Amino acid sequence: MWEILGWFFSLFGFSLKEGLILCILPLIIDVPRSVGKILFVPVIKYQENKRSKLEDKKSIENRILPPISIIIPAHNEAGKIERSIKTLIEARYPKEKKEIIVIDDGSTDNTYALALPYARRGEIKLFRRYEKSGSKGKAINYGLLFAKNDIVIIVDADTQYDVNSLYEIVKPFEDKDITAVAGNVQITNRSNLISICQAYEYQLAMELGKRIQSLFGSVLIASGAFGAFKRENIKSIGKYDDDTITEDFDTSLKLLKRSKIIYAPKALAWTICPDSWKVWWRQRVRWSRGELECFIKHRDMIFQPRYGFIGMINIPDMFFIDILLLFIRLFYLGFIFIGTPLIYGFSSGVGYIWFCLKAMIMILALYTILEIFCMFPALQTKTLKRDLIYIPLAPFVAIIYRPIYAVARIKSYFDYLLKRESRW
């Protein structure tokens, strides 16, 4: 191993000692995490194969399926609401056990008019709020007033669903200890670089993480785009709160205090992601701020043994990686650009600039290798193998996409500290 590291560092003109000092952060944090992900892959595949063998061989039609209520909160979704409704109507599930509730949450476009024909035919239940509630959580709570079934599925109005998705997201509830199930949300629009990067992120990065969390029943986010819950458990936690802007993360954490949330990789949903850097930036700033709000709200879970793996490992790990490590990386960059002149005592500005340039190229090269390295365990668990085509994106994601995302996170934290308003 030392020989390999020495060879790698020498490519950039550094000795083994210099390379170890300059790459200390990725070597002590990112490399072990990447290796750890690979170690989980055989366990994931074993558990999924075991589950498949234990499943009943009966067809969907012959299974005893629980009745479900599907809630679609919608605000100004005229261009997308019909596609979402159609895929849910056409999804394989007994009609008499499938209730679709659309909440038009103060739309100013013709969302209500487009959904109305489906309501008149009795295919959905349509309710209209003439004033916007102010948050998606409030719109969901309004829909819960009309939901009559034991399993509630929350979906987005801009999302479409695989023909077997409802069956797949409901199936895990055969285990009475499961309180919620996260569906497999993927990107449908892949027309430009930013949307393709998000497809890469969703399908080669997020999916493996959810599968690892699912081994311990501790999936931290049952996405608001496609998540299923037991209605009685939603009621027990007081429904959806409006004190955070990521209501799905907040609700998931409240449910995890009581029971398990798992991931259903075959419950496929196709959502539309931001197709411009400007919209993507606003979304990620909002997500990051909501994540921080939820961590602060549920800080009582961190390092609490009574919550088991979730409290001792899962939440602290997410808090460390998404928030604390961000600022550690800033100090790390400061060490490279400010600390190295003190250590090496450069005699000229040119020598200093050349040293820092080589160091940054070496570090970015190491992160690119790690990005590619992490793809292989992710690909072993992929639901859709066609996403192999995104492998060439790894360098761009490591060098450009993730650093920009880090800057968005920093902005979100300052927005929170400055109490700037953020809305659904």
Protein backbone atom coordinates (compact mmCIF):
# COMPACT_ATOMS: atom_id res chain seq x y z
CA MET A 1 0.00 0.00 0.00
CA TRP A 2 2.79 2.44 0.89
CA GLU A 3 4.46 1.68 -2.44
CA ILE A 4 1.24 2.52 -4.31
CA LEU A 5 0.79 5.77 -2.39
CA GLY A 6 4.43 6.68 -2.93
CA TRP A 7 4.07 6.07 -6.65
CA PHE A 8 0.86 8.14 -6.80
CA PHE A 9 2.40 11.08 -4.93
CA SER A 10 5.52 10.96 -7.09
CA LEU A 11 3.40 11.54 -10.20
CA PHE A 12 2.87 15.06 -8.89
CA GLY A 13 6.40 15.60 -7.67
CA PHE A 14 5.84 14.89 -3.96
CA SER A 15 7.59 12.50 -1.61
CA LEU A 16 5.62 9.94 0.40
CA LYS A 17 5.81 12.14 3.52
CA GLU A 18 4.71 15.26 1.67
CA GLY A 19 1.85 13.41 -0.02
CA LEU A 20 0.60 11.95 3.25
CA ILE A 21 0.56 15.41 4.84
CA LEU A 22 -1.21 17.05 1.90
CA CYS A 23 -3.77 14.23 1.48
CA ILE A 24 -4.36 13.56 5.15
CA LEU A 25 -8.07 14.44 5.07
CA PRO A 26 -9.17 12.15 2.22
CA LEU A 27 -6.87 9.38 3.48
CA ILE A 28 -8.28 9.29 7.02
CA ILE A 29 -11.94 9.98 6.17
CA ASP A 30 -12.91 9.43 2.53
CA VAL A 31 -10.82 6.34 1.74
CA PRO A 32 -12.08 4.30 4.75
CA ARG A 33 -15.69 5.26 3.93
CA SER A 34 -15.26 4.12 0.33
CA VAL A 35 -13.79 0.80 1.45
CA GLY A 36 -16.61 0.41 3.97
CA LYS A 37 -19.22 0.75 1.24
CA ILE A 38 -17.64 -2.10 -0.69
CA LEU A 39 -17.74 -4.33 2.39
CA PHE A 40 -21.50 -3.80 2.65
CA VAL A 41 -22.26 -4.90 -0.91
CA PRO A 42 -22.14 -8.71 -0.28
CA VAL A 43 -24.39 -8.25 2.77
CA ILE A 44 -26.88 -6.21 0.75
CA LYS A 45 -26.98 -8.76 -2.07
CA TYR A 46 -27.38 -11.63 0.41
CA GLN A 47 -30.27 -9.93 2.20
CA GLU A 48 -32.04 -9.03 -1.04
CA ASN A 49 -31.67 -12.59 -2.40
CA LYS A 50 -32.94 -14.00 0.88
CA ARG A 51 -35.95 -11.68 0.79
CA SER A 52 -36.74 -12.66 -2.79
CA LYS A 53 -36.73 -16.37 -1.91
CA LEU A 54 -39.06 -15.82 1.03
CA GLU A 55 -41.58 -13.81 -0.97
CA ASP A 56 -44.86 -15.44 -1.87
CA LYS A 57 -44.93 -16.69 -5.49
CA LYS A 58 -48.52 -15.61 -5.92
CA SER A 59 -49.32 -12.96 -8.49
CA ILE A 60 -50.14 -9.41 -7.50
CA GLU A 61 -53.81 -10.02 -8.24
CA ASN A 62 -53.97 -13.03 -5.88
CA ARG A 63 -52.22 -11.36 -2.96
CA ILE A 64 -54.15 -9.98 -0.04
CA LEU A 65 -53.19 -6.35 -0.39
CA PRO A 66 -54.02 -3.62 2.12
CA PRO A 67 -56.12 -0.65 1.00
CA ILE A 68 -54.03 2.45 0.28
CA SER A 69 -54.60 6.20 0.16
CA ILE A 70 -52.35 8.18 -2.20
CA ILE A 71 -52.01 11.89 -1.48
CA ILE A 72 -50.78 14.28 -4.19
CA PRO A 73 -50.17 17.83 -2.91
CA ALA A 74 -50.01 20.15 -5.91
CA HIS A 75 -49.24 23.84 -6.34
CA ASN A 76 -49.06 25.21 -9.89
CA GLU A 77 -48.38 21.81 -11.47
CA ALA A 78 -50.50 22.26 -14.60
CA GLY A 79 -47.81 20.91 -16.88
CA LYS A 80 -47.26 17.72 -14.88
CA ILE A 81 -50.27 16.81 -12.77
CA GLU A 82 -52.07 14.78 -15.46
CA ARG A 83 -49.09 12.51 -16.14
CA SER A 84 -48.76 11.79 -12.43
CA ILE A 85 -52.46 11.01 -12.03
CA LYS A 86 -52.51 8.74 -15.08
CA THR A 87 -49.55 6.62 -13.94
CA LEU A 88 -51.13 6.15 -10.50
CA ILE A 89 -54.49 5.17 -12.02
CA GLU A 90 -52.78 2.72 -14.39
CA ALA A 91 -50.46 1.25 -11.73
CA ARG A 92 -51.25 -2.38 -10.93
CA TYR A 93 -53.26 -2.38 -7.71
CA PRO A 94 -56.89 -3.36 -7.04
CA LYS A 95 -59.06 -0.34 -7.91
CA GLU A 96 -61.34 -0.90 -4.97
CA LYS A 97 -58.32 -0.68 -2.64
CA LYS A 98 -56.72 2.38 -4.22
CA GLU A 99 -57.78 5.88 -3.19
CA ILE A 100 -56.10 8.81 -4.99
CA ILE A 101 -56.46 12.20 -3.31
CA VAL A 102 -55.30 15.36 -5.10
CA ILE A 103 -54.91 18.54 -3.06
CA ASP A 104 -54.80 21.68 -5.19
CA ASP A 105 -52.94 23.93 -2.76
CA GLY A 106 -53.83 27.43 -3.88
CA SER A 107 -52.70 27.02 -7.49
CA THR A 108 -52.92 30.10 -9.71
CA ASP A 109 -52.71 28.11 -12.94
CA ASN A 110 -55.16 25.50 -14.28
CA THR A 111 -53.96 22.58 -12.12
CA TYR A 112 -57.47 22.16 -10.68
CA ALA A 113 -59.15 22.27 -14.09
CA LEU A 114 -56.84 19.58 -15.48
CA ALA A 115 -57.47 17.26 -12.54
CA LEU A 116 -61.23 17.87 -12.46
CA PRO A 117 -62.21 15.41 -15.27
CA TYR A 118 -60.56 12.55 -13.38
CA ALA A 119 -62.54 13.48 -10.27
CA ARG A 120 -65.81 13.61 -12.22
CA ARG A 121 -65.14 10.08 -13.51
CA GLY A 122 -64.56 8.92 -9.95
CA GLU A 123 -60.91 8.03 -10.56
CA ILE A 124 -59.59 10.48 -7.96
CA LYS A 125 -60.82 12.65 -5.11
CA LEU A 126 -60.06 16.33 -5.71
CA PHE A 127 -59.96 19.02 -3.04
CA ARG A 128 -59.15 22.67 -3.56
CA ARG A 129 -57.63 25.24 -1.23
CA TYR A 130 -58.12 28.73 -2.58
CA GLU A 131 -55.21 30.11 -0.57
CA LYS A 132 -51.78 28.48 -0.57
CA SER A 133 -51.03 26.77 2.74
CA GLY A 134 -47.40 27.94 2.76
CA SER A 135 -45.77 24.52 2.99
CA LYS A 136 -46.03 21.09 1.46
CA GLY A 137 -46.47 19.60 4.94
CA LYS A 138 -49.65 21.59 5.52
CA ALA A 139 -51.02 20.49 2.16
CA ILE A 140 -50.32 16.84 3.09
CA ASN A 141 -52.03 17.30 6.46
CA TYR A 142 -55.08 18.59 4.64
CA GLY A 143 -55.07 15.48 2.46
CA LEU A 144 -54.76 13.26 5.53
CA LEU A 145 -58.14 14.57 6.71
CA PHE A 146 -59.75 12.75 3.78
CA ALA A 147 -57.57 9.62 3.68
CA LYS A 148 -59.52 6.61 4.92
CA ASN A 149 -57.04 3.74 4.49
CA ASP A 150 -54.35 2.32 6.78
CA ILE A 151 -51.44 2.77 4.36
CA VAL A 152 -50.82 6.32 3.13
CA ILE A 153 -48.53 7.01 0.19
CA ILE A 154 -47.21 10.55 -0.31
CA VAL A 155 -46.19 11.46 -3.86
CA ASP A 156 -45.16 14.54 -5.83
CA ALA A 157 -47.33 16.03 -8.54
CA ASP A 158 -44.42 16.09 -11.00
CA THR A 159 -43.55 12.40 -10.56
CA GLN A 160 -44.54 9.33 -12.60
CA TYR A 161 -44.70 5.76 -11.35
CA ASP A 162 -43.75 2.33 -12.63
CA VAL A 163 -46.64 -0.06 -13.24
CA ASN A 164 -45.66 -2.21 -10.22
CA SER A 165 -44.48 0.64 -7.99
CA LEU A 166 -47.50 0.72 -5.66
CA TYR A 167 -47.32 -3.00 -5.08
CA GLU A 168 -43.58 -2.87 -4.42
CA ILE A 169 -43.76 -0.01 -1.91
CA VAL A 170 -46.61 -1.67 0.00
CA LYS A 171 -45.10 -5.17 0.08
CA PRO A 172 -42.60 -4.49 2.95
CA PHE A 173 -45.47 -3.66 5.31
CA GLU A 174 -45.98 -7.40 5.72
CA ASP A 175 -43.33 -6.93 8.40
CA LYS A 176 -45.30 -5.40 11.28
CA ASP A 177 -42.21 -3.62 12.66
CA ILE A 178 -41.90 -1.40 9.58
CA THR A 179 -43.52 2.01 9.92
CA ALA A 180 -42.51 3.54 6.58
CA VAL A 181 -41.02 2.61 3.20
CA ALA A 182 -38.91 4.81 0.93
CA GLY A 183 -39.44 4.36 -2.79
CA ASN A 184 -36.70 4.41 -5.43
CA VAL A 185 -36.89 7.90 -6.94
CA GLN A 186 -35.01 8.37 -10.20
CA ILE A 187 -34.57 11.17 -12.70
CA THR A 188 -36.62 11.16 -15.89
CA ASN A 189 -35.39 14.34 -17.63
CA ARG A 190 -31.77 13.92 -18.74
CA SER A 191 -31.41 16.50 -21.47
CA ASN A 192 -28.40 18.53 -20.31
CA LEU A 193 -25.34 18.36 -18.08
CA ILE A 194 -26.98 19.44 -14.81
CA SER A 195 -29.88 16.99 -15.13
CA ILE A 196 -27.52 14.15 -16.09
CA CYS A 197 -25.34 14.94 -13.06
CA GLN A 198 -28.42 14.62 -10.85
CA ALA A 199 -29.32 11.30 -12.49
CA TYR A 200 -25.79 10.13 -11.68
CA GLU A 201 -26.14 11.39 -8.11
CA TYR A 202 -29.51 9.74 -7.51
CA GLN A 203 -28.73 6.41 -9.05
CA LEU A 204 -25.04 5.77 -8.43
CA ALA A 205 -24.62 7.49 -5.07
CA MET A 206 -27.87 7.87 -3.15
CA GLU A 207 -29.20 4.40 -3.90
CA LEU A 208 -26.28 2.54 -2.32
CA GLY A 209 -26.50 4.68 0.80
CA LYS A 210 -30.20 3.92 1.20
CA ARG A 211 -29.59 0.21 0.75
CA ILE A 212 -26.96 0.26 3.51
CA GLN A 213 -29.29 2.20 5.83
CA SER A 214 -32.10 -0.23 5.00
CA LEU A 215 -30.08 -3.14 6.38
CA PHE A 216 -30.58 -1.57 9.80
CA GLY A 217 -34.14 -0.34 9.22
CA SER A 218 -32.85 3.20 9.45
CA VAL A 219 -33.44 4.92 6.11
CA LEU A 220 -33.26 8.56 7.16
CA ILE A 221 -35.47 10.05 4.46
CA ALA A 222 -38.63 8.51 3.03
CA SER A 223 -38.77 10.95 0.12
CA GLY A 224 -41.74 13.22 -0.30
CA ALA A 225 -41.67 12.24 -3.96
CA PHE A 226 -42.54 8.62 -3.12
CA GLY A 227 -42.87 7.36 0.43
CA ALA A 228 -45.38 5.10 2.17
CA PHE A 229 -46.43 5.25 5.81
CA LYS A 230 -48.76 3.59 8.26
CA ARG A 231 -51.55 6.08 8.87
CA GLU A 232 -51.76 5.32 12.57
CA ASN A 233 -48.06 6.16 13.00
CA ILE A 234 -48.43 9.47 11.16
CA LYS A 235 -51.24 10.35 13.55
CA SER A 236 -49.17 9.30 16.57
CA ILE A 237 -46.44 11.83 15.74
CA GLY A 238 -48.85 14.70 15.22
CA LYS A 239 -48.86 14.63 11.42
CA TYR A 240 -46.50 16.88 9.43
CA ASP A 241 -44.89 19.88 11.14
CA ASP A 242 -44.29 23.19 9.38
CA ASP A 243 -41.22 24.29 11.37
CA THR A 244 -38.78 22.89 8.79
CA ILE A 245 -38.70 23.17 5.00
CA THR A 246 -37.83 19.48 4.49
CA GLU A 247 -40.98 17.92 5.86
CA ASP A 248 -40.08 14.44 4.59
CA PHE A 249 -36.80 14.34 6.55
CA ASP A 250 -38.47 15.74 9.68
CA THR A 251 -41.32 13.22 9.53
CA SER A 252 -38.93 10.34 8.85
CA LEU A 253 -36.86 11.19 11.92
CA LYS A 254 -39.99 11.36 14.08
CA LEU A 255 -41.06 7.94 12.82
CA LEU A 256 -37.58 6.46 13.32
CA LYS A 257 -37.90 7.24 17.01
CA ARG A 258 -40.67 4.65 17.10
CA SER A 259 -39.90 2.00 14.49
CA LYS A 260 -38.10 1.07 11.24
CA ILE A 261 -37.98 2.66 7.80
CA ILE A 262 -36.64 0.59 4.92
CA TYR A 263 -35.91 1.11 1.24
CA ALA A 264 -37.80 -0.61 -1.60
CA PRO A 265 -35.47 -0.51 -4.64
CA LYS A 266 -38.08 -1.99 -6.99
CA ALA A 267 -40.66 0.68 -6.13
CA LEU A 268 -39.66 2.93 -9.02
CA ALA A 269 -40.74 6.52 -9.42
CA TRP A 270 -39.55 8.99 -12.03
CA THR A 271 -39.28 12.63 -11.01
CA ILE A 272 -38.34 15.79 -12.86
CA CYS A 273 -35.20 17.44 -11.55
CA PRO A 274 -34.05 21.05 -12.03
CA ASP A 275 -32.78 21.51 -15.59
CA SER A 276 -30.81 24.70 -14.98
CA TRP A 277 -27.98 25.49 -12.62
CA LYS A 278 -29.97 28.39 -11.15
CA VAL A 279 -32.97 26.24 -10.19
CA TRP A 280 -30.70 23.42 -8.99
CA TRP A 281 -28.82 25.91 -6.79
CA ARG A 282 -32.06 27.13 -5.16
CA GLN A 283 -33.20 23.55 -4.57
CA ARG A 284 -29.93 22.45 -2.95
CA VAL A 285 -29.75 25.56 -0.77
CA ARG A 286 -33.29 24.79 0.41
CA TRP A 287 -32.53 21.10 0.99
CA SER A 288 -29.36 21.85 2.95
CA ARG A 289 -31.08 24.40 5.12
CA GLY A 290 -33.91 21.99 5.81
CA GLU A 291 -31.43 19.28 6.73
CA LEU A 292 -29.77 21.61 9.26
CA GLU A 293 -33.15 22.57 10.69
CA CYS A 294 -34.02 18.91 11.18
CA PHE A 295 -30.71 18.11 12.84
CA ILE A 296 -31.23 20.96 15.28
CA LYS A 297 -34.82 19.94 15.93
CA HIS A 298 -33.92 16.28 16.50
CA ARG A 299 -30.58 16.78 18.23
CA ASP A 300 -31.93 14.62 21.05
CA MET A 301 -31.36 11.58 18.79
CA ILE A 302 -27.62 12.12 18.32
CA PHE A 303 -25.50 9.63 20.29
CA GLN A 304 -28.53 8.31 22.16
CA PRO A 305 -28.22 4.54 22.77
CA ARG A 306 -31.99 4.12 23.07
CA TYR A 307 -32.25 4.78 19.32
CA GLY A 308 -29.71 2.05 18.55
CA PHE A 309 -27.89 2.18 15.22
CA ILE A 310 -29.84 5.27 14.14
CA GLY A 311 -28.81 7.37 17.11
CA MET A 312 -25.29 6.05 17.59
CA ILE A 313 -24.12 5.70 13.97
CA ASN A 314 -26.53 6.79 11.25
CA ILE A 315 -27.54 10.32 12.27
CA PRO A 316 -24.10 11.29 13.69
CA ASP A 317 -22.50 10.05 10.46
CA MET A 318 -24.86 12.12 8.29
CA PHE A 319 -24.38 15.20 10.49
CA PHE A 320 -20.60 14.79 10.35
CA ILE A 321 -20.38 14.20 6.59
CA ASP A 322 -22.91 16.81 5.45
CA ILE A 323 -22.19 19.61 7.93
CA LEU A 324 -19.12 19.29 10.14
CA LEU A 325 -16.87 17.86 7.42
CA LEU A 326 -17.74 20.79 5.19
CA PHE A 327 -16.05 23.20 7.59
CA ILE A 328 -13.20 20.78 8.25
CA ARG A 329 -12.53 20.83 4.49
CA LEU A 330 -12.38 24.63 4.58
CA PHE A 331 -9.70 24.50 7.30
CA TYR A 332 -7.97 21.80 5.25
CA LEU A 333 -7.82 24.08 2.21
CA GLY A 334 -6.60 26.89 4.44
CA PHE A 335 -3.78 24.63 5.63
CA ILE A 336 -2.71 23.93 2.04
CA PHE A 337 -2.77 27.55 0.90
CA ILE A 338 -1.67 29.26 4.12
CA GLY A 339 0.07 26.61 6.21
CA THR A 340 2.41 25.25 3.56
CA PRO A 341 4.34 28.53 3.12
CA LEU A 342 5.08 28.43 6.84
CA ILE A 343 6.29 24.83 6.64
CA TYR A 344 8.29 24.95 3.41
CA GLY A 345 9.36 28.60 3.40
CA PHE A 346 9.08 29.31 -0.34
CA SER A 347 11.66 31.77 -1.63
CA SER A 348 9.45 33.05 -4.44
CA GLY A 349 5.78 33.54 -5.23
CA VAL A 350 6.11 31.39 -8.32
CA GLY A 351 7.36 28.45 -6.27
CA TYR A 352 4.46 28.83 -3.85
CA ILE A 353 1.85 29.00 -6.62
CA TRP A 354 3.34 25.98 -8.40
CA PHE A 355 3.36 23.97 -5.17
CA CYS A 356 -0.28 24.79 -4.38
CA LEU A 357 -1.36 24.05 -7.96
CA LYS A 358 0.30 20.61 -7.91
CA ALA A 359 -1.19 19.88 -4.49
CA MET A 360 -4.73 20.73 -5.62
CA ILE A 361 -4.39 18.69 -8.82
CA MET A 362 -3.17 15.72 -6.75
CA ILE A 363 -6.02 16.02 -4.24
CA LEU A 364 -8.65 16.36 -6.98
CA ALA A 365 -7.13 13.35 -8.76
CA LEU A 366 -7.41 11.34 -5.53
CA TYR A 367 -11.08 12.32 -5.13
CA THR A 368 -11.74 11.37 -8.75
CA ILE A 369 -10.24 7.92 -8.13
CA LEU A 370 -12.42 7.55 -5.03
CA GLU A 371 -15.50 8.61 -7.02
CA ILE A 372 -14.81 5.90 -9.60
CA PHE A 373 -13.93 3.42 -6.85
CA CYS A 374 -17.32 3.99 -5.18
CA MET A 375 -19.14 3.31 -8.45
CA PHE A 376 -18.31 -0.38 -8.45
CA PRO A 377 -20.15 -1.31 -5.25
CA ALA A 378 -23.03 0.95 -6.31
CA LEU A 379 -23.27 -0.78 -9.69
CA GLN A 380 -23.46 -4.16 -7.99
CA THR A 381 -26.73 -3.12 -6.37
CA LYS A 382 -28.21 -1.03 -9.18
CA THR A 383 -31.83 -1.60 -10.11
CA LEU A 384 -31.32 -0.26 -13.62
CA LYS A 385 -28.04 -1.36 -15.20
CA ARG A 386 -28.39 1.10 -18.07
CA ASP A 387 -27.03 3.79 -15.76
CA LEU A 388 -23.56 2.40 -16.43
CA ILE A 389 -23.38 5.04 -19.15
CA TYR A 390 -22.81 7.69 -16.47
CA ILE A 391 -19.43 6.35 -15.38
CA PRO A 392 -17.50 8.92 -17.51
CA LEU A 393 -19.15 11.67 -15.44
CA ALA A 394 -17.12 10.71 -12.35
CA PRO A 395 -14.29 13.25 -12.86
CA PHE A 396 -16.71 16.13 -13.47
CA VAL A 397 -18.80 15.18 -10.43
CA ALA A 398 -15.73 14.94 -8.20
CA ILE A 399 -13.99 18.10 -9.42
CA ILE A 400 -16.88 20.45 -10.27
CA TYR A 401 -20.33 19.25 -9.17
CA ARG A 402 -19.60 18.30 -5.56
CA PRO A 403 -17.53 21.43 -4.78
CA ILE A 404 -20.34 23.66 -6.13
CA TYR A 405 -22.79 21.72 -3.96
CA ALA A 406 -20.52 22.38 -0.97
CA VAL A 407 -20.74 26.10 -1.64
CA ALA A 408 -24.54 25.83 -1.81
CA ARG A 409 -24.50 24.15 1.61
CA ILE A 410 -22.41 26.95 3.07
CA LYS A 411 -24.86 29.54 1.72
CA SER A 412 -27.79 27.63 3.22
CA TYR A 413 -26.21 27.63 6.67
CA PHE A 414 -25.63 31.38 6.50
CA ASP A 415 -29.24 31.83 5.35
CA TYR A 416 -30.33 29.93 8.44
CA LEU A 417 -28.13 31.98 10.76
CA LEU A 418 -29.38 35.21 9.17
CA LYS A 419 -32.99 33.93 9.36
CA ARG A 420 -33.67 34.49 5.68
CA GLU A 421 -37.05 33.19 4.61
CA SER A 422 -37.34 30.02 2.52
CA ARG A 423 -40.59 28.66 1.09
CA TRP A 424 -41.93 25.55 -0.60
